[in-house]
């Protein structure tokens, strides 16, 4: 028998705690289960945080040029989160700021070659993760899911307090 001080420490088995059937919490759970491993991997490999990746990905999809407000609207993110991500991306040379060609008072964010290279490096793993997740659904279910997500996003944007309404 081993002395008490040298006996292996046994961790108690974790209980499965269910959040409940609320749709909102199931959305949060799904996003966390998919995004967290992706975020950890790319923060470790490329030094980019999830919020920064989201901003950079939207900027790349916008043909490399957008305002911080447009990016925030596209992501449903608050101004401060976008601002922090933009500062970090700029400090790492992944985007730059320049005056708008239409209105010099507006500041446009432009993806740099380093930002494009990073998108090209990371995007395949994001697409692979999405494909692995969606492999649980057949093609018709995926089409239905896309349509339902579009409807829910449109509805969420129309709800008061989403951060884009102008009334106090």
C-alpha atoms as a PDB file:
ATOM      1  CA  UNK A   1       0.000   0.000   0.000  1.00  0.00           C
ATOM      2  CA  UNK A   2       1.230   3.494  -0.838  1.00  0.00           C
ATOM      3  CA  UNK A   3       1.659   6.056   1.910  1.00  0.00           C
ATOM      4  CA  UNK A   4      -1.160   8.600   1.944  1.00  0.00           C
ATOM      5  CA  UNK A   5       1.153  11.377   0.763  1.00  0.00           C
ATOM      6  CA  UNK A   6       2.162   9.453  -2.375  1.00  0.00           C
ATOM      7  CA  UNK A   7      -1.226   8.067  -3.370  1.00  0.00           C
ATOM      8  CA  UNK A   8      -2.507   9.237  -6.742  1.00  0.00           C
ATOM      9  CA  UNK A   9      -4.988  12.061  -6.593  1.00  0.00           C
ATOM     10  CA  UNK A  10      -8.334  11.019  -7.947  1.00  0.00           C
ATOM     11  CA  UNK A  11     -10.437  13.748  -9.407  1.00  0.00           C
ATOM     12  CA  UNK A  12     -14.121  13.434  -8.856  1.00  0.00           C
ATOM     13  CA  UNK A  13     -16.044  12.680 -12.022  1.00  0.00           C
ATOM     14  CA  UNK A  14     -17.668  15.809 -13.456  1.00  0.00           C
ATOM     15  CA  UNK A  15     -21.404  15.909 -13.568  1.00  0.00           C
ATOM     16  CA  UNK A  16     -22.976  16.911 -16.851  1.00  0.00           C
ATOM     17  CA  UNK A  17     -24.739  20.196 -16.159  1.00  0.00           C
ATOM     18  CA  UNK A  18     -27.398  21.048 -18.685  1.00  0.00           C
ATOM     19  CA  UNK A  19     -28.143  24.662 -19.483  1.00  0.00           C
ATOM     20  CA  UNK A  20     -31.744  23.863 -20.260  1.00  0.00           C
ATOM     21  CA  UNK A  21     -33.789  23.919 -23.381  1.00  0.00           C
ATOM     22  CA  UNK A  22     -33.707  27.674 -23.918  1.00  0.00           C
ATOM     23  CA  UNK A  23     -32.827  28.311 -27.546  1.00  0.00           C
ATOM     24  CA  UNK A  24     -30.643  31.298 -26.727  1.00  0.00           C
ATOM     25  CA  UNK A  25     -28.368  29.294 -24.444  1.00  0.00           C
ATOM     26  CA  UNK A  26     -28.176  26.485 -26.992  1.00  0.00           C
ATOM     27  CA  UNK A  27     -27.007  29.048 -29.589  1.00  0.00           C
ATOM     28  CA  UNK A  28     -24.360  30.281 -27.143  1.00  0.00           C
ATOM     29  CA  UNK A  29     -23.279  26.714 -26.405  1.00  0.00           C
ATOM     30  CA  UNK A  30     -22.967  25.887 -30.101  1.00  0.00           C
ATOM     31  CA  UNK A  31     -20.943  29.021 -30.849  1.00  0.00           C
ATOM     32  CA  UNK A  32     -18.641  28.336 -27.887  1.00  0.00           C
ATOM     33  CA  UNK A  33     -18.116  24.680 -28.802  1.00  0.00           C
ATOM     34  CA  UNK A  34     -17.208  25.597 -32.372  1.00  0.00           C
ATOM     35  CA  UNK A  35     -15.332  28.875 -31.868  1.00  0.00           C
ATOM     36  CA  UNK A  36     -13.226  28.261 -28.772  1.00  0.00           C
ATOM     37  CA  UNK A  37     -10.999  25.467 -30.153  1.00  0.00           C
ATOM     38  CA  UNK A  38     -10.630  27.419 -33.399  1.00  0.00           C
ATOM     39  CA  UNK A  39      -9.705  30.557 -31.454  1.00  0.00           C
ATOM     40  CA  UNK A  40      -7.183  28.775 -29.215  1.00  0.00           C
ATOM     41  CA  UNK A  41      -5.475  27.147 -32.185  1.00  0.00           C
ATOM     42  CA  UNK A  42      -5.081  30.363 -34.154  1.00  0.00           C
ATOM     43  CA  UNK A  43      -4.143  32.528 -31.206  1.00  0.00           C
ATOM     44  CA  UNK A  44      -1.362  30.051 -30.466  1.00  0.00           C
ATOM     45  CA  UNK A  45      -0.237  29.639 -34.096  1.00  0.00           C
ATOM     46  CA  UNK A  46      -0.791  33.150 -35.472  1.00  0.00           C
ATOM     47  CA  UNK A  47      -1.186  35.443 -32.462  1.00  0.00           C
ATOM     48  CA  UNK A  48      -4.706  36.501 -33.455  1.00  0.00           C
ATOM     49  CA  UNK A  49      -7.694  36.611 -31.124  1.00  0.00           C
ATOM     50  CA  UNK A  50     -11.160  35.517 -32.186  1.00  0.00           C
ATOM     51  CA  UNK A  51     -12.553  39.058 -32.293  1.00  0.00           C
ATOM     52  CA  UNK A  52      -9.610  40.172 -34.422  1.00  0.00           C
ATOM     53  CA  UNK A  53     -10.164  37.212 -36.771  1.00  0.00           C
ATOM     54  CA  UNK A  54     -13.817  38.121 -37.168  1.00  0.00           C
ATOM     55  CA  UNK A  55     -12.958  41.742 -38.002  1.00  0.00           C
ATOM     56  CA  UNK A  56     -10.250  40.680 -40.444  1.00  0.00           C
ATOM     57  CA  UNK A  57     -12.549  38.128 -42.107  1.00  0.00           C
ATOM     58  CA  UNK A  58     -15.307  40.709 -42.622  1.00  0.00           C
ATOM     59  CA  UNK A  59     -12.786  43.180 -43.987  1.00  0.00           C
ATOM     60  CA  UNK A  60     -11.501  40.569 -46.447  1.00  0.00           C
ATOM     61  CA  UNK A  61     -15.073  39.795 -47.538  1.00  0.00           C
ATOM     62  CA  UNK A  62     -15.685  43.529 -48.066  1.00  0.00           C
ATOM     63  CA  UNK A  63     -12.977  43.489 -50.736  1.00  0.00           C
ATOM     64  CA  UNK A  64     -10.495  44.772 -48.215  1.00  0.00           C
ATOM     65  CA  UNK A  65     -12.086  48.137 -47.435  1.00  0.00           C
ATOM     66  CA  UNK A  66     -14.745  49.128 -44.875  1.00  0.00           C
ATOM     67  CA  UNK A  67     -15.366  51.448 -41.942  1.00  0.00           C
ATOM     68  CA  UNK A  68     -15.226  50.237 -38.355  1.00  0.00           C
ATOM     69  CA  UNK A  69     -18.965  50.957 -38.106  1.00  0.00           C
ATOM     70  CA  UNK A  70     -19.711  48.791 -41.140  1.00  0.00           C
ATOM     71  CA  UNK A  71     -17.667  45.964 -39.663  1.00  0.00           C
ATOM     72  CA  UNK A  72     -19.436  46.302 -36.313  1.00  0.00           C
ATOM     73  CA  UNK A  73     -22.820  46.227 -38.030  1.00  0.00           C
ATOM     74  CA  UNK A  74     -21.859  43.167 -40.078  1.00  0.00           C
ATOM     75  CA  UNK A  75     -20.764  41.291 -36.953  1.00  0.00           C
ATOM     76  CA  UNK A  76     -23.319  42.657 -34.496  1.00  0.00           C
ATOM     77  CA  UNK A  77     -20.392  43.764 -32.297  1.00  0.00           C
ATOM     78  CA  UNK A  78     -20.173  46.847 -30.124  1.00  0.00           C
ATOM     79  CA  UNK A  79     -17.904  49.732 -31.104  1.00  0.00           C
ATOM     80  CA  UNK A  80     -15.383  49.148 -28.312  1.00  0.00           C
ATOM     81  CA  UNK A  81     -14.779  45.505 -29.263  1.00  0.00           C
ATOM     82  CA  UNK A  82     -14.269  46.489 -32.900  1.00  0.00           C
ATOM     83  CA  UNK A  83     -11.996  49.360 -31.876  1.00  0.00           C
ATOM     84  CA  UNK A  84      -9.783  47.092 -29.734  1.00  0.00           C
ATOM     85  CA  UNK A  85      -9.539  44.527 -32.528  1.00  0.00           C
ATOM     86  CA  UNK A  86      -8.720  47.214 -35.102  1.00  0.00           C
ATOM     87  CA  UNK A  87      -5.953  48.651 -32.887  1.00  0.00           C
ATOM     88  CA  UNK A  88      -4.378  45.228 -32.484  1.00  0.00           C
ATOM     89  CA  UNK A  89      -4.684  44.335 -36.171  1.00  0.00           C
ATOM     90  CA  UNK A  90      -3.151  47.677 -37.102  1.00  0.00           C
ATOM     91  CA  UNK A  91      -0.291  47.228 -34.601  1.00  0.00           C
ATOM     92  CA  UNK A  92       0.470  43.847 -36.210  1.00  0.00           C
ATOM     93  CA  UNK A  93       0.364  45.289 -39.733  1.00  0.00           C
ATOM     94  CA  UNK A  94      -2.754  43.338 -40.733  1.00  0.00           C
ATOM     95  CA  UNK A  95      -4.778  46.424 -41.619  1.00  0.00           C
ATOM     96  CA  UNK A  96      -4.223  50.131 -42.045  1.00  0.00           C
ATOM     97  CA  UNK A  97      -6.399  53.244 -41.880  1.00  0.00           C
ATOM     98  CA  UNK A  98      -6.847  55.713 -44.704  1.00  0.00           C
ATOM     99  CA  UNK A  99      -9.255  58.515 -45.586  1.00  0.00           C
ATOM    100  CA  UNK A 100     -12.333  57.592 -47.568  1.00  0.00           C
ATOM    101  CA  UNK A 101     -12.015  58.545 -51.250  1.00  0.00           C
ATOM    102  CA  UNK A 102     -15.622  59.868 -51.147  1.00  0.00           C
ATOM    103  CA  UNK A 103     -15.378  61.744 -47.845  1.00  0.00           C
ATOM    104  CA  UNK A 104     -11.954  62.512 -46.418  1.00  0.00           C
ATOM    105  CA  UNK A 105     -13.447  62.884 -42.932  1.00  0.00           C
ATOM    106  CA  UNK A 106     -14.368  59.182 -42.867  1.00  0.00           C
ATOM    107  CA  UNK A 107     -11.680  56.680 -41.990  1.00  0.00           C
ATOM    108  CA  UNK A 108     -11.600  53.483 -43.985  1.00  0.00           C
ATOM    109  CA  UNK A 109      -9.928  50.301 -42.793  1.00  0.00           C
ATOM    110  CA  UNK A 110      -7.953  48.488 -45.441  1.00  0.00           C
ATOM    111  CA  UNK A 111      -6.608  44.964 -45.212  1.00  0.00           C
ATOM    112  CA  UNK A 112      -2.867  44.747 -45.854  1.00  0.00           C
ATOM    113  CA  UNK A 113      -1.005  41.978 -47.632  1.00  0.00           C
ATOM    114  CA  UNK A 114      -0.068  40.567 -44.224  1.00  0.00           C
ATOM    115  CA  UNK A 115      -3.789  40.508 -43.380  1.00  0.00           C
ATOM    116  CA  UNK A 116      -4.629  38.788 -46.672  1.00  0.00           C
ATOM    117  CA  UNK A 117      -1.890  36.228 -46.071  1.00  0.00           C
ATOM    118  CA  UNK A 118      -3.281  35.532 -42.600  1.00  0.00           C
ATOM    119  CA  UNK A 119      -6.814  35.079 -43.949  1.00  0.00           C
ATOM    120  CA  UNK A 120      -5.444  32.668 -46.569  1.00  0.00           C
ATOM    121  CA  UNK A 121      -3.611  30.725 -43.847  1.00  0.00           C
ATOM    122  CA  UNK A 122      -6.536  30.487 -41.400  1.00  0.00           C
ATOM    123  CA  UNK A 123      -9.605  30.284 -43.622  1.00  0.00           C
ATOM    124  CA  UNK A 124      -9.134  26.632 -44.684  1.00  0.00           C
ATOM    125  CA  UNK A 125      -9.300  25.430 -41.073  1.00  0.00           C
ATOM    126  CA  UNK A 126     -12.432  27.504 -40.493  1.00  0.00           C
ATOM    127  CA  UNK A 127     -14.082  26.010 -43.563  1.00  0.00           C
ATOM    128  CA  UNK A 128     -13.024  22.509 -42.502  1.00  0.00           C
ATOM    129  CA  UNK A 129     -14.483  23.057 -39.021  1.00  0.00           C
ATOM    130  CA  UNK A 130     -17.729  24.328 -40.548  1.00  0.00           C
ATOM    131  CA  UNK A 131     -17.900  21.342 -42.916  1.00  0.00           C
ATOM    132  CA  UNK A 132     -17.303  18.914 -40.041  1.00  0.00           C
ATOM    133  CA  UNK A 133     -20.073  20.525 -38.011  1.00  0.00           C
ATOM    134  CA  UNK A 134     -22.533  20.683 -40.888  1.00  0.00           C
ATOM    135  CA  UNK A 135     -21.834  17.067 -41.892  1.00  0.00           C
ATOM    136  CA  UNK A 136     -24.439  16.191 -39.242  1.00  0.00           C
ATOM    137  CA  UNK A 137     -27.063  17.630 -41.629  1.00  0.00           C
ATOM    138  CA  UNK A 138     -28.089  16.557 -45.101  1.00  0.00           C
ATOM    139  CA  UNK A 139     -28.156  19.086 -47.950  1.00  0.00           C
ATOM    140  CA  UNK A 140     -31.828  19.959 -47.464  1.00  0.00           C
ATOM    141  CA  UNK A 141     -31.327  20.485 -43.742  1.00  0.00           C
ATOM    142  CA  UNK A 142     -28.332  22.745 -44.425  1.00  0.00           C
ATOM    143  CA  UNK A 143     -30.410  24.840 -46.827  1.00  0.00           C
ATOM    144  CA  UNK A 144     -33.195  25.043 -44.246  1.00  0.00           C
ATOM    145  CA  UNK A 145     -30.688  26.004 -41.548  1.00  0.00           C
ATOM    146  CA  UNK A 146     -29.253  28.769 -43.762  1.00  0.00           C
ATOM    147  CA  UNK A 147     -32.725  30.166 -44.431  1.00  0.00           C
ATOM    148  CA  UNK A 148     -33.695  29.998 -40.752  1.00  0.00           C
ATOM    149  CA  UNK A 149     -30.459  31.663 -39.651  1.00  0.00           C
ATOM    150  CA  UNK A 150     -31.028  34.475 -42.164  1.00  0.00           C
ATOM    151  CA  UNK A 151     -34.528  35.015 -40.763  1.00  0.00           C
ATOM    152  CA  UNK A 152     -33.358  34.941 -37.153  1.00  0.00           C
ATOM    153  CA  UNK A 153     -30.481  37.335 -37.825  1.00  0.00           C
ATOM    154  CA  UNK A 154     -32.839  39.754 -39.585  1.00  0.00           C
ATOM    155  CA  UNK A 155     -35.245  39.519 -36.660  1.00  0.00           C
ATOM    156  CA  UNK A 156     -32.472  40.002 -34.084  1.00  0.00           C
ATOM    157  CA  UNK A 157     -31.291  43.119 -35.933  1.00  0.00           C
ATOM    158  CA  UNK A 158     -34.833  44.500 -35.775  1.00  0.00           C
ATOM    159  CA  UNK A 159     -35.163  43.994 -32.010  1.00  0.00           C
ATOM    160  CA  UNK A 160     -34.749  47.091 -29.815  1.00  0.00           C
ATOM    161  CA  UNK A 161     -31.408  47.396 -28.043  1.00  0.00           C
ATOM    162  CA  UNK A 162     -29.292  45.632 -30.653  1.00  0.00           C
ATOM    163  CA  UNK A 163     -26.846  48.533 -30.589  1.00  0.00           C
ATOM    164  CA  UNK A 164     -27.828  49.914 -33.972  1.00  0.00           C
ATOM    165  CA  UNK A 165     -31.079  51.611 -33.018  1.00  0.00           C
ATOM    166  CA  UNK A 166     -30.759  55.371 -32.798  1.00  0.00           C
ATOM    167  CA  UNK A 167     -33.378  56.004 -30.137  1.00  0.00           C
ATOM    168  CA  UNK A 168     -32.308  56.189 -26.482  1.00  0.00           C
END
